[in-house]
N, C-alpha and C. Protein backbone atom coordinates (compact mmCIF):
# COMPACT_ATOMS: atom_id res chain seq x y z
N UNK A 1 -19.73 -0.13 12.86
CA UNK A 1 -18.35 -0.53 13.12
C UNK A 1 -17.54 0.67 13.60
N UNK A 2 -16.71 0.44 14.56
CA UNK A 2 -15.88 1.50 15.10
C UNK A 2 -14.65 1.72 14.22
N UNK A 3 -14.34 2.99 13.97
CA UNK A 3 -13.19 3.35 13.14
C UNK A 3 -11.89 2.90 13.80
N UNK A 4 -10.90 2.59 12.97
CA UNK A 4 -9.57 2.22 13.44
C UNK A 4 -8.56 3.22 12.89
N UNK A 5 -7.43 3.30 13.54
CA UNK A 5 -6.36 4.19 13.07
C UNK A 5 -5.44 3.42 12.13
N UNK A 6 -4.75 4.13 11.24
CA UNK A 6 -3.79 3.45 10.38
C UNK A 6 -2.71 2.70 11.15
N UNK A 7 -2.30 3.24 12.29
CA UNK A 7 -1.24 2.57 13.06
C UNK A 7 -1.67 1.20 13.57
N UNK A 8 -2.97 0.98 13.73
CA UNK A 8 -3.45 -0.34 14.16
C UNK A 8 -3.24 -1.40 13.08
N UNK A 9 -3.09 -0.98 11.85
CA UNK A 9 -2.90 -1.93 10.75
C UNK A 9 -1.44 -2.07 10.34
N UNK A 10 -0.56 -1.26 10.89
CA UNK A 10 0.82 -1.22 10.42
C UNK A 10 1.49 -2.59 10.44
N UNK A 11 2.16 -2.88 9.32
CA UNK A 11 2.95 -4.11 9.20
C UNK A 11 4.34 -3.71 8.74
N UNK A 12 5.35 -4.24 9.41
CA UNK A 12 6.75 -3.94 9.08
C UNK A 12 7.48 -5.24 8.84
N UNK A 13 8.05 -5.37 7.64
CA UNK A 13 8.84 -6.56 7.29
C UNK A 13 10.26 -6.10 6.99
N UNK A 14 11.25 -6.70 7.67
CA UNK A 14 12.65 -6.36 7.44
C UNK A 14 13.40 -7.63 7.06
N UNK A 15 14.23 -7.51 6.02
CA UNK A 15 14.96 -8.68 5.52
C UNK A 15 16.20 -8.22 4.76
N UNK A 16 17.08 -9.16 4.48
CA UNK A 16 18.28 -8.92 3.68
C UNK A 16 18.01 -9.22 2.22
N UNK A 17 18.79 -8.58 1.34
CA UNK A 17 18.75 -8.92 -0.08
C UNK A 17 19.83 -9.97 -0.32
N UNK A 18 19.40 -11.15 -0.73
CA UNK A 18 20.29 -12.28 -0.94
C UNK A 18 20.63 -12.45 -2.42
N UNK A 19 21.73 -13.17 -2.74
CA UNK A 19 22.15 -13.32 -4.14
C UNK A 19 21.07 -13.89 -5.07
N UNK A 20 20.27 -14.82 -4.58
CA UNK A 20 19.25 -15.42 -5.45
C UNK A 20 18.09 -14.46 -5.77
N UNK A 21 18.07 -13.30 -5.12
CA UNK A 21 16.99 -12.33 -5.31
C UNK A 21 17.43 -11.13 -6.16
N UNK A 22 18.62 -11.24 -6.77
CA UNK A 22 19.15 -10.10 -7.50
C UNK A 22 19.26 -10.36 -9.00
N UNK A 23 19.29 -9.25 -9.74
CA UNK A 23 19.45 -9.29 -11.19
C UNK A 23 20.94 -9.27 -11.55
N UNK A 24 21.29 -9.26 -12.84
CA UNK A 24 22.72 -9.25 -13.22
C UNK A 24 23.51 -8.04 -12.74
N UNK A 25 22.81 -6.97 -12.33
CA UNK A 25 23.51 -5.80 -11.77
C UNK A 25 23.66 -5.89 -10.25
N UNK A 26 23.28 -7.04 -9.69
CA UNK A 26 23.33 -7.28 -8.25
C UNK A 26 22.40 -6.36 -7.45
N UNK A 27 21.26 -6.03 -8.06
CA UNK A 27 20.21 -5.28 -7.37
C UNK A 27 18.98 -6.16 -7.22
N UNK A 28 18.19 -5.90 -6.20
CA UNK A 28 16.98 -6.66 -5.93
C UNK A 28 16.06 -6.65 -7.15
N UNK A 29 15.58 -7.84 -7.55
CA UNK A 29 14.61 -7.93 -8.64
C UNK A 29 13.37 -7.12 -8.27
N UNK A 30 12.81 -6.41 -9.24
CA UNK A 30 11.57 -5.67 -9.01
C UNK A 30 10.44 -6.58 -8.58
N UNK A 31 10.36 -7.76 -9.19
CA UNK A 31 9.30 -8.71 -8.83
C UNK A 31 9.42 -9.21 -7.40
N UNK A 32 10.65 -9.36 -6.93
CA UNK A 32 10.86 -9.77 -5.54
C UNK A 32 10.38 -8.67 -4.59
N UNK A 33 10.67 -7.42 -4.94
CA UNK A 33 10.20 -6.32 -4.11
C UNK A 33 8.68 -6.24 -4.14
N UNK A 34 8.07 -6.44 -5.31
CA UNK A 34 6.60 -6.43 -5.40
C UNK A 34 5.99 -7.50 -4.49
N UNK A 35 6.60 -8.67 -4.46
CA UNK A 35 6.10 -9.75 -3.59
C UNK A 35 6.22 -9.38 -2.12
N UNK A 36 7.33 -8.77 -1.75
CA UNK A 36 7.50 -8.35 -0.35
C UNK A 36 6.46 -7.29 0.03
N UNK A 37 6.24 -6.36 -0.90
CA UNK A 37 5.24 -5.31 -0.63
C UNK A 37 3.84 -5.92 -0.54
N UNK A 38 3.53 -6.88 -1.39
CA UNK A 38 2.22 -7.53 -1.36
C UNK A 38 2.00 -8.25 -0.03
N UNK A 39 3.03 -8.92 0.48
CA UNK A 39 2.90 -9.61 1.77
C UNK A 39 2.65 -8.62 2.91
N UNK A 40 3.44 -7.54 2.93
CA UNK A 40 3.25 -6.54 3.99
C UNK A 40 1.87 -5.90 3.90
N UNK A 41 1.45 -5.57 2.68
CA UNK A 41 0.14 -4.94 2.49
C UNK A 41 -0.98 -5.89 2.90
N UNK A 42 -0.83 -7.17 2.61
CA UNK A 42 -1.89 -8.12 2.98
C UNK A 42 -2.00 -8.25 4.50
N UNK A 43 -0.89 -8.18 5.19
CA UNK A 43 -0.92 -8.23 6.66
C UNK A 43 -1.62 -6.99 7.20
N UNK A 44 -1.28 -5.81 6.64
CA UNK A 44 -1.93 -4.57 7.09
C UNK A 44 -3.43 -4.62 6.83
N UNK A 45 -3.82 -5.10 5.65
CA UNK A 45 -5.25 -5.19 5.31
C UNK A 45 -5.98 -6.15 6.24
N UNK A 46 -5.34 -7.27 6.54
CA UNK A 46 -5.97 -8.25 7.43
C UNK A 46 -6.07 -7.71 8.85
N UNK A 47 -5.04 -7.00 9.30
CA UNK A 47 -5.09 -6.41 10.64
C UNK A 47 -6.23 -5.40 10.75
N UNK A 48 -6.44 -4.64 9.68
CA UNK A 48 -7.51 -3.65 9.72
C UNK A 48 -8.89 -4.31 9.70
N UNK A 49 -9.07 -5.24 8.78
CA UNK A 49 -10.40 -5.82 8.56
C UNK A 49 -10.71 -7.02 9.45
N UNK A 50 -9.64 -7.71 9.91
CA UNK A 50 -9.80 -8.97 10.64
C UNK A 50 -10.59 -9.98 9.81
N UNK A 51 -10.35 -9.94 8.51
CA UNK A 51 -11.01 -10.82 7.55
C UNK A 51 -9.98 -11.37 6.58
N UNK A 52 -10.41 -12.34 5.76
CA UNK A 52 -9.60 -12.79 4.65
C UNK A 52 -9.52 -11.62 3.68
N UNK A 53 -8.35 -11.37 3.11
CA UNK A 53 -8.19 -10.28 2.16
C UNK A 53 -7.53 -10.78 0.89
N UNK A 54 -7.88 -10.12 -0.21
CA UNK A 54 -7.28 -10.46 -1.50
C UNK A 54 -6.78 -9.18 -2.16
N UNK A 55 -5.71 -9.30 -2.92
CA UNK A 55 -5.18 -8.16 -3.65
C UNK A 55 -6.12 -7.85 -4.80
N UNK A 56 -6.63 -6.63 -4.86
CA UNK A 56 -7.52 -6.22 -5.94
C UNK A 56 -6.75 -5.52 -7.05
N UNK A 57 -5.78 -4.69 -6.66
CA UNK A 57 -4.98 -4.00 -7.68
C UNK A 57 -3.70 -3.46 -7.07
N UNK A 58 -2.74 -3.28 -7.96
CA UNK A 58 -1.52 -2.55 -7.64
C UNK A 58 -1.68 -1.22 -8.36
N UNK A 59 -1.98 -0.19 -7.60
CA UNK A 59 -2.35 1.10 -8.19
C UNK A 59 -1.16 1.94 -8.60
N UNK A 60 -0.07 1.80 -7.87
CA UNK A 60 1.10 2.64 -8.12
C UNK A 60 2.32 1.95 -7.53
N UNK A 61 3.41 1.97 -8.29
CA UNK A 61 4.70 1.51 -7.78
C UNK A 61 5.75 2.47 -8.31
N UNK A 62 6.61 2.93 -7.44
CA UNK A 62 7.72 3.79 -7.84
C UNK A 62 9.02 3.12 -7.42
N UNK A 63 9.79 2.68 -8.40
CA UNK A 63 11.12 2.11 -8.14
C UNK A 63 12.10 3.28 -8.25
N UNK A 64 12.26 4.02 -7.18
CA UNK A 64 13.08 5.24 -7.21
C UNK A 64 14.57 4.97 -7.04
N UNK A 65 14.91 3.96 -6.27
CA UNK A 65 16.32 3.64 -6.02
C UNK A 65 16.53 2.14 -6.13
N UNK A 66 17.65 1.78 -6.74
CA UNK A 66 18.03 0.36 -6.78
C UNK A 66 18.39 -0.08 -5.36
N UNK A 67 18.11 -1.34 -5.07
CA UNK A 67 18.41 -1.89 -3.75
C UNK A 67 19.47 -2.97 -3.95
N UNK A 68 20.72 -2.68 -3.57
CA UNK A 68 21.81 -3.61 -3.86
C UNK A 68 21.86 -4.85 -2.97
N UNK A 69 22.54 -5.85 -3.49
CA UNK A 69 22.80 -7.10 -2.78
C UNK A 69 23.35 -6.79 -1.39
N UNK A 70 22.85 -7.49 -0.39
CA UNK A 70 23.32 -7.32 0.98
C UNK A 70 22.60 -6.24 1.77
N UNK A 71 21.75 -5.47 1.10
CA UNK A 71 21.03 -4.38 1.79
C UNK A 71 20.03 -4.94 2.79
N UNK A 72 19.84 -4.18 3.85
CA UNK A 72 18.74 -4.43 4.77
C UNK A 72 17.57 -3.60 4.25
N UNK A 73 16.46 -4.27 3.97
CA UNK A 73 15.28 -3.62 3.38
C UNK A 73 14.13 -3.73 4.37
N UNK A 74 13.46 -2.61 4.61
CA UNK A 74 12.29 -2.60 5.47
C UNK A 74 11.09 -2.12 4.66
N UNK A 75 10.04 -2.93 4.67
CA UNK A 75 8.80 -2.60 3.98
C UNK A 75 7.77 -2.28 5.05
N UNK A 76 7.23 -1.06 5.01
CA UNK A 76 6.22 -0.63 5.98
C UNK A 76 4.91 -0.38 5.26
N UNK A 77 3.85 -1.01 5.72
CA UNK A 77 2.54 -0.89 5.09
C UNK A 77 1.50 -0.49 6.12
N UNK A 78 0.57 0.40 5.72
CA UNK A 78 -0.54 0.84 6.57
C UNK A 78 -1.75 1.06 5.69
N UNK A 79 -2.92 0.82 6.24
CA UNK A 79 -4.15 1.16 5.53
C UNK A 79 -4.25 2.69 5.54
N UNK A 80 -4.40 3.27 4.35
CA UNK A 80 -4.52 4.72 4.26
C UNK A 80 -5.99 5.16 4.20
N UNK A 81 -6.86 4.29 3.67
CA UNK A 81 -8.29 4.60 3.67
C UNK A 81 -9.07 3.31 3.47
N UNK A 82 -10.21 3.22 4.14
CA UNK A 82 -11.10 2.07 3.99
C UNK A 82 -12.40 2.55 3.36
N UNK A 83 -12.90 1.78 2.41
CA UNK A 83 -14.17 2.07 1.78
C UNK A 83 -15.16 1.01 2.26
N UNK A 84 -16.12 0.61 1.47
CA UNK A 84 -17.12 -0.35 1.95
C UNK A 84 -16.49 -1.70 2.28
N UNK A 85 -15.81 -2.30 1.31
CA UNK A 85 -15.13 -3.58 1.53
C UNK A 85 -13.67 -3.52 1.08
N UNK A 86 -13.32 -2.47 0.38
CA UNK A 86 -11.94 -2.33 -0.10
C UNK A 86 -11.17 -1.36 0.78
N UNK A 87 -9.86 -1.49 0.69
CA UNK A 87 -9.00 -0.59 1.45
C UNK A 87 -7.73 -0.32 0.65
N UNK A 88 -7.28 0.92 0.74
CA UNK A 88 -6.04 1.30 0.10
C UNK A 88 -4.92 1.14 1.11
N UNK A 89 -3.84 0.53 0.67
CA UNK A 89 -2.67 0.32 1.52
C UNK A 89 -1.51 1.11 0.93
N UNK A 90 -0.92 1.98 1.73
CA UNK A 90 0.26 2.74 1.29
C UNK A 90 1.49 2.04 1.84
N UNK A 91 2.46 1.82 0.97
CA UNK A 91 3.66 1.06 1.33
C UNK A 91 4.90 1.93 1.10
N UNK A 92 5.74 2.02 2.11
CA UNK A 92 7.02 2.71 2.02
C UNK A 92 8.13 1.66 2.15
N UNK A 93 9.14 1.78 1.29
CA UNK A 93 10.27 0.84 1.31
C UNK A 93 11.53 1.62 1.67
N UNK A 94 12.24 1.14 2.67
CA UNK A 94 13.42 1.81 3.20
C UNK A 94 14.64 0.89 3.10
N UNK A 95 15.80 1.49 2.87
CA UNK A 95 17.06 0.74 2.99
C UNK A 95 17.84 1.35 4.14
N UNK A 96 18.71 0.55 4.69
CA UNK A 96 19.47 0.96 5.87
C UNK A 96 20.95 0.98 5.53
N UNK A 97 21.61 2.08 5.82
CA UNK A 97 23.05 2.16 5.60
C UNK A 97 23.76 1.17 6.52
N UNK A 98 24.65 0.39 5.94
CA UNK A 98 25.33 -0.67 6.71
C UNK A 98 26.14 -0.14 7.88
N UNK A 99 26.75 1.01 7.71
CA UNK A 99 27.64 1.54 8.76
C UNK A 99 26.92 2.46 9.74
N UNK A 100 26.17 3.42 9.24
CA UNK A 100 25.55 4.40 10.13
C UNK A 100 24.19 3.98 10.65
N UNK A 101 23.51 3.09 9.89
CA UNK A 101 22.16 2.70 10.26
C UNK A 101 21.10 3.68 9.78
N UNK A 102 21.53 4.75 9.10
CA UNK A 102 20.58 5.75 8.58
C UNK A 102 19.67 5.11 7.54
N UNK A 103 18.38 5.47 7.58
CA UNK A 103 17.40 4.92 6.65
C UNK A 103 17.16 5.90 5.50
N UNK A 104 17.03 5.33 4.29
CA UNK A 104 16.73 6.11 3.10
C UNK A 104 15.51 5.50 2.43
N UNK A 105 14.56 6.35 2.05
CA UNK A 105 13.39 5.83 1.34
C UNK A 105 13.81 5.46 -0.07
N UNK A 106 13.55 4.22 -0.44
CA UNK A 106 13.96 3.72 -1.75
C UNK A 106 12.79 3.66 -2.73
N UNK A 107 11.64 3.25 -2.25
CA UNK A 107 10.49 3.03 -3.13
C UNK A 107 9.20 3.21 -2.34
N UNK A 108 8.10 3.27 -3.09
CA UNK A 108 6.78 3.31 -2.47
C UNK A 108 5.78 2.67 -3.42
N UNK A 109 4.65 2.29 -2.86
CA UNK A 109 3.60 1.68 -3.67
C UNK A 109 2.26 1.89 -2.99
N UNK A 110 1.21 1.73 -3.79
CA UNK A 110 -0.15 1.78 -3.28
C UNK A 110 -0.89 0.57 -3.84
N UNK A 111 -1.39 -0.27 -2.95
CA UNK A 111 -2.14 -1.45 -3.33
C UNK A 111 -3.58 -1.30 -2.83
N UNK A 112 -4.49 -2.00 -3.48
CA UNK A 112 -5.87 -2.07 -3.00
C UNK A 112 -6.19 -3.52 -2.67
N UNK A 113 -6.76 -3.73 -1.50
CA UNK A 113 -7.19 -5.05 -1.06
C UNK A 113 -8.69 -5.02 -0.80
N UNK A 114 -9.31 -6.17 -0.91
CA UNK A 114 -10.73 -6.32 -0.60
C UNK A 114 -10.87 -7.39 0.46
N UNK A 115 -11.68 -7.10 1.47
CA UNK A 115 -11.99 -8.09 2.50
C UNK A 115 -13.13 -8.96 1.99
N UNK A 116 -12.99 -10.27 2.18
CA UNK A 116 -14.01 -11.20 1.71
C UNK A 116 -14.39 -12.19 2.81
N UNK A 117 -15.59 -12.77 2.66
CA UNK A 117 -16.00 -13.81 3.60
C UNK A 117 -15.47 -15.16 3.12
N UNK A 118 -15.89 -16.23 3.78
CA UNK A 118 -15.37 -17.57 3.46
C UNK A 118 -15.75 -18.05 2.07
N UNK A 119 -16.75 -17.42 1.45
CA UNK A 119 -17.15 -17.80 0.09
C UNK A 119 -16.53 -16.90 -0.96
N UNK A 120 -15.73 -15.93 -0.53
CA UNK A 120 -15.07 -15.03 -1.46
C UNK A 120 -15.86 -13.78 -1.82
N UNK A 121 -16.97 -13.55 -1.12
CA UNK A 121 -17.78 -12.35 -1.39
C UNK A 121 -17.30 -11.19 -0.53
N UNK A 122 -17.26 -9.98 -1.13
CA UNK A 122 -16.83 -8.80 -0.36
C UNK A 122 -17.67 -8.60 0.89
N UNK A 123 -17.00 -8.13 1.94
CA UNK A 123 -17.65 -7.95 3.24
C UNK A 123 -17.26 -6.58 3.80
N UNK A 124 -18.18 -5.98 4.53
CA UNK A 124 -17.96 -4.63 5.09
C UNK A 124 -16.81 -4.62 6.08
N UNK A 125 -16.09 -3.49 6.07
CA UNK A 125 -14.94 -3.31 6.96
C UNK A 125 -15.07 -1.99 7.71
N UNK A 126 -14.32 -1.83 8.81
CA UNK A 126 -14.39 -0.57 9.57
C UNK A 126 -13.76 0.60 8.80
N UNK A 127 -14.21 1.82 9.08
CA UNK A 127 -13.58 2.99 8.47
C UNK A 127 -12.23 3.27 9.12
N UNK A 128 -11.50 4.19 8.51
CA UNK A 128 -10.19 4.61 9.03
C UNK A 128 -10.31 6.02 9.61
N UNK A 129 -9.63 6.23 10.72
CA UNK A 129 -9.56 7.55 11.34
C UNK A 129 -8.08 7.96 11.37
N UNK A 130 -7.66 8.76 10.37
CA UNK A 130 -6.24 9.15 10.34
C UNK A 130 -5.89 10.06 11.50
N UNK A 131 -4.64 9.97 11.96
CA UNK A 131 -4.20 10.78 13.10
C UNK A 131 -3.12 11.79 12.73
N UNK A 132 -2.07 11.35 12.05
CA UNK A 132 -0.96 12.25 11.74
C UNK A 132 -1.26 13.06 10.48
N UNK A 133 -0.47 14.09 10.24
CA UNK A 133 -0.64 14.90 9.03
C UNK A 133 -0.46 14.05 7.78
N UNK A 134 0.56 13.19 7.78
CA UNK A 134 0.80 12.32 6.63
C UNK A 134 -0.37 11.36 6.41
N UNK A 135 -0.90 10.78 7.48
CA UNK A 135 -2.05 9.88 7.37
C UNK A 135 -3.27 10.62 6.82
N UNK A 136 -3.47 11.87 7.27
CA UNK A 136 -4.60 12.67 6.78
C UNK A 136 -4.43 13.00 5.30
N UNK A 137 -3.22 13.32 4.90
CA UNK A 137 -2.93 13.62 3.49
C UNK A 137 -3.20 12.40 2.61
N UNK A 138 -2.72 11.25 3.04
CA UNK A 138 -2.92 10.02 2.26
C UNK A 138 -4.40 9.62 2.24
N UNK A 139 -5.08 9.82 3.34
CA UNK A 139 -6.51 9.53 3.44
C UNK A 139 -7.30 10.35 2.43
N UNK A 140 -7.05 11.65 2.40
CA UNK A 140 -7.77 12.55 1.48
C UNK A 140 -7.47 12.18 0.03
N UNK A 141 -6.23 11.92 -0.29
CA UNK A 141 -5.84 11.61 -1.66
C UNK A 141 -6.39 10.25 -2.12
N UNK A 142 -6.66 9.36 -1.20
CA UNK A 142 -7.15 8.02 -1.56
C UNK A 142 -8.47 8.07 -2.30
N UNK A 143 -9.35 8.97 -1.93
CA UNK A 143 -10.64 9.08 -2.61
C UNK A 143 -10.45 9.55 -4.05
N UNK A 144 -9.54 10.48 -4.25
CA UNK A 144 -9.25 10.94 -5.62
C UNK A 144 -8.67 9.80 -6.45
N UNK A 145 -7.75 9.04 -5.85
CA UNK A 145 -7.17 7.90 -6.59
C UNK A 145 -8.23 6.87 -6.93
N UNK A 146 -9.14 6.62 -5.99
CA UNK A 146 -10.21 5.65 -6.25
C UNK A 146 -11.11 6.14 -7.38
N UNK A 147 -11.49 7.40 -7.33
CA UNK A 147 -12.34 7.93 -8.39
C UNK A 147 -11.65 7.87 -9.75
N UNK A 148 -10.37 8.19 -9.80
CA UNK A 148 -9.62 8.11 -11.05
C UNK A 148 -9.61 6.68 -11.58
N UNK A 149 -9.37 5.72 -10.71
CA UNK A 149 -9.37 4.30 -11.12
C UNK A 149 -10.73 3.89 -11.67
N UNK A 150 -11.79 4.32 -11.00
CA UNK A 150 -13.15 3.97 -11.45
C UNK A 150 -13.47 4.62 -12.79
N UNK A 151 -13.06 5.86 -12.99
CA UNK A 151 -13.29 6.54 -14.27
C UNK A 151 -12.53 5.82 -15.38
N UNK A 152 -11.25 5.51 -15.13
CA UNK A 152 -10.43 4.83 -16.15
C UNK A 152 -10.96 3.44 -16.49
N UNK A 153 -11.57 2.78 -15.50
CA UNK A 153 -12.13 1.44 -15.72
C UNK A 153 -13.53 1.49 -16.33
N UNK A 154 -14.06 2.70 -16.50
CA UNK A 154 -15.40 2.84 -17.06
C UNK A 154 -16.51 2.53 -16.08
N UNK A 155 -16.19 2.52 -14.79
CA UNK A 155 -17.19 2.20 -13.76
C UNK A 155 -17.77 3.46 -13.11
N UNK A 156 -17.26 4.63 -13.50
CA UNK A 156 -17.77 5.89 -12.99
C UNK A 156 -17.68 6.91 -14.12
N UNK A 157 -18.71 7.72 -14.24
CA UNK A 157 -18.71 8.78 -15.25
C UNK A 157 -17.80 9.91 -14.76
N UNK A 158 -17.00 10.50 -15.64
CA UNK A 158 -16.11 11.58 -15.20
C UNK A 158 -16.84 12.70 -14.48
N UNK A 159 -18.05 13.02 -14.90
CA UNK A 159 -18.79 14.11 -14.25
C UNK A 159 -19.22 13.76 -12.82
N UNK A 160 -19.20 12.46 -12.47
CA UNK A 160 -19.56 12.05 -11.12
C UNK A 160 -18.36 12.00 -10.18
N UNK A 161 -17.16 12.19 -10.71
CA UNK A 161 -15.94 12.14 -9.91
C UNK A 161 -15.71 13.50 -9.25
N UNK A 162 -16.49 13.78 -8.23
CA UNK A 162 -16.51 15.10 -7.60
C UNK A 162 -15.16 15.51 -7.02
N UNK A 163 -14.45 14.59 -6.41
CA UNK A 163 -13.15 14.92 -5.81
C UNK A 163 -12.12 15.25 -6.89
N UNK A 164 -12.18 14.55 -8.01
CA UNK A 164 -11.26 14.85 -9.12
C UNK A 164 -11.60 16.19 -9.75
N UNK A 165 -12.88 16.44 -9.94
CA UNK A 165 -13.30 17.72 -10.54
C UNK A 165 -12.87 18.89 -9.67
N UNK A 166 -12.88 18.71 -8.37
CA UNK A 166 -12.51 19.79 -7.45
C UNK A 166 -11.04 20.21 -7.63
N UNK A 167 -10.21 19.28 -8.09
CA UNK A 167 -8.81 19.62 -8.34
C UNK A 167 -8.65 20.63 -9.47
N UNK A 168 -9.60 20.61 -10.42
CA UNK A 168 -9.47 21.43 -11.60
C UNK A 168 -10.41 22.64 -11.61
N UNK A 169 -11.24 22.73 -10.60
CA UNK A 169 -12.22 23.84 -10.55
C UNK A 169 -11.61 25.09 -9.96
C-alpha cells in the first residue's frame, strides 16, 4: 500500500454553539464537543483508510478553554500515524473571535480508530508519511502513546516498550 500524507485525511467541521448545546454557565457541554470531535476524527480515519472505521479509544482530551454560547467552533482532525489496522487521529479545536476573526486554540484530543471490513474484522490500512514539522512530531510521539496504552492495558510488557524506554535512558 502506498503511504498517504496527513493532509489527505484532514477533516474540518465548523459550527455555532447553540443554546441547547450549553450547560448552566452558557458554555458548550463537554459531551457535545466530544461528539463533534468523534465525527471529525471518523471522517479523517475514513478518508485515510477508505474503509469502515470504528472508534477504538479516546486517548486524550484537554478541555483548556470554555467555549461560550454563540461561538464559532472549528474542529480539525488529521491522521497522525497509521499502524496495521488502527490509526491515531489528532484533533485541534479552535474558536473564532466574533469581531476580528482571530482563531484561538481551545482544546485538543487524540482518538484511535480501527478500519474494519464488512464483517467488523480489522483490515490493513496504508501508512502515513508526515510532511510538516508538527506532523513529524505527532507521528513520532504516536508510537510512544501506543506503547504506553498497550503497557497500561497489560498487552505489552514494559521491557518491550522500546520507544518509552528510550525516553528514560
